[in-house]
């Protein structure tokens, strides 16, 4: 199984490396106020990919933190309900 995973990684690397070699010409990025950069196209694609990953991870982390806070709140609520149930079980029953 490990050999298959490494083979897939190697094929993916070759594909991406070939893509980078084929797209090595310079592209212009125009910003506001007349600013511009001259960068290789593969670098622009790599930066866009990295920014996308960063945004995705940020969105995932915020969702994960929100879920953890909710789980913590629900655990505390469950503990309080369990304590209330045990206190109710200790009370003598009326005749």
Protein backbone atom coordinates (compact mmCIF):
# COMPACT_ATOMS: atom_id res chain seq x y z
CA UNK A 1 0.00 0.00 0.00
CA UNK A 2 2.85 2.39 0.83
CA UNK A 3 4.40 1.77 -2.56
CA UNK A 4 1.13 2.74 -4.23
CA UNK A 5 0.89 5.96 -2.20
CA UNK A 6 4.47 6.92 -3.07
CA UNK A 7 3.83 6.09 -6.72
CA UNK A 8 0.79 8.40 -6.77
CA UNK A 9 2.83 11.14 -5.09
CA UNK A 10 5.60 10.72 -7.64
CA UNK A 11 3.18 10.88 -10.57
CA UNK A 12 1.53 13.97 -9.08
CA UNK A 13 4.95 15.59 -8.60
CA UNK A 14 5.90 14.86 -12.21
CA UNK A 15 2.60 16.27 -13.42
CA UNK A 16 3.00 19.47 -11.40
CA UNK A 17 6.66 19.81 -12.36
CA UNK A 18 5.77 19.45 -16.03
CA UNK A 19 3.05 22.04 -15.58
CA UNK A 20 5.55 24.43 -14.03
CA UNK A 21 8.07 23.91 -16.81
CA UNK A 22 5.44 24.49 -19.49
CA UNK A 23 4.23 27.74 -17.85
CA UNK A 24 7.53 29.46 -17.20
CA UNK A 25 6.85 32.61 -19.25
CA UNK A 26 6.50 35.96 -17.49
CA UNK A 27 3.07 37.38 -16.77
CA UNK A 28 2.18 40.88 -15.64
CA UNK A 29 0.10 41.60 -12.56
CA UNK A 30 -1.41 45.07 -12.52
CA UNK A 31 -2.35 46.65 -9.20
CA UNK A 32 -3.93 49.93 -8.27
CA UNK A 33 -2.08 53.24 -8.63
CA UNK A 34 -0.05 52.02 -11.61
CA UNK A 35 1.84 49.32 -9.72
CA UNK A 36 2.70 46.13 -11.57
CA UNK A 37 4.78 43.01 -11.08
CA UNK A 38 6.43 40.82 -13.68
CA UNK A 39 6.35 37.25 -12.38
CA UNK A 40 6.49 33.75 -13.87
CA UNK A 41 3.00 32.37 -14.42
CA UNK A 42 3.69 29.27 -12.35
CA UNK A 43 4.60 31.48 -9.38
CA UNK A 44 1.32 33.36 -9.72
CA UNK A 45 -0.58 30.07 -9.80
CA UNK A 46 1.36 28.79 -6.79
CA UNK A 47 0.61 31.94 -4.78
CA UNK A 48 -3.08 31.76 -5.70
CA UNK A 49 -3.13 28.11 -4.63
CA UNK A 50 -1.41 28.97 -1.34
CA UNK A 51 -3.86 31.79 -0.62
CA UNK A 52 -6.74 29.41 -1.29
CA UNK A 53 -5.29 26.87 1.12
CA UNK A 54 -4.78 29.56 3.74
CA UNK A 55 -8.38 30.75 3.42
CA UNK A 56 -9.68 27.18 3.57
CA UNK A 57 -7.66 26.36 6.68
CA UNK A 58 -8.78 29.59 8.34
CA UNK A 59 -12.42 28.80 7.64
CA UNK A 60 -11.95 25.28 8.96
CA UNK A 61 -10.21 26.43 12.12
CA UNK A 62 -12.92 28.97 12.94
CA UNK A 63 -15.58 26.30 12.44
CA UNK A 64 -13.59 23.86 14.57
CA UNK A 65 -13.19 26.38 17.40
CA UNK A 66 -16.90 27.18 17.28
CA UNK A 67 -17.73 23.47 17.52
CA UNK A 68 -15.34 22.97 20.45
CA UNK A 69 -16.96 25.84 22.36
CA UNK A 70 -20.39 24.32 21.70
CA UNK A 71 -19.20 20.88 22.86
CA UNK A 72 -17.75 22.40 26.03
CA UNK A 73 -20.99 24.22 26.73
CA UNK A 74 -23.03 21.05 26.19
CA UNK A 75 -20.73 18.99 28.45
CA UNK A 76 -21.16 21.52 31.26
CA UNK A 77 -24.91 21.44 30.74
CA UNK A 78 -24.85 17.62 30.85
CA UNK A 79 -22.82 17.66 34.08
CA UNK A 80 -25.29 20.07 35.68
CA UNK A 81 -28.21 17.88 34.59
CA UNK A 82 -26.45 14.80 35.99
CA UNK A 83 -25.82 16.54 39.30
CA UNK A 84 -29.45 17.66 39.46
CA UNK A 85 -30.61 14.10 38.75
CA UNK A 86 -28.35 12.63 41.46
CA UNK A 87 -29.57 15.25 43.96
CA UNK A 88 -33.15 14.43 43.07
CA UNK A 89 -32.47 10.72 43.57
CA UNK A 90 -31.13 11.39 47.08
CA UNK A 91 -34.25 13.22 48.24
CA UNK A 92 -36.67 11.12 50.26
CA UNK A 93 -39.92 10.31 48.51
CA UNK A 94 -43.08 11.81 50.00
CA UNK A 95 -45.67 9.38 51.43
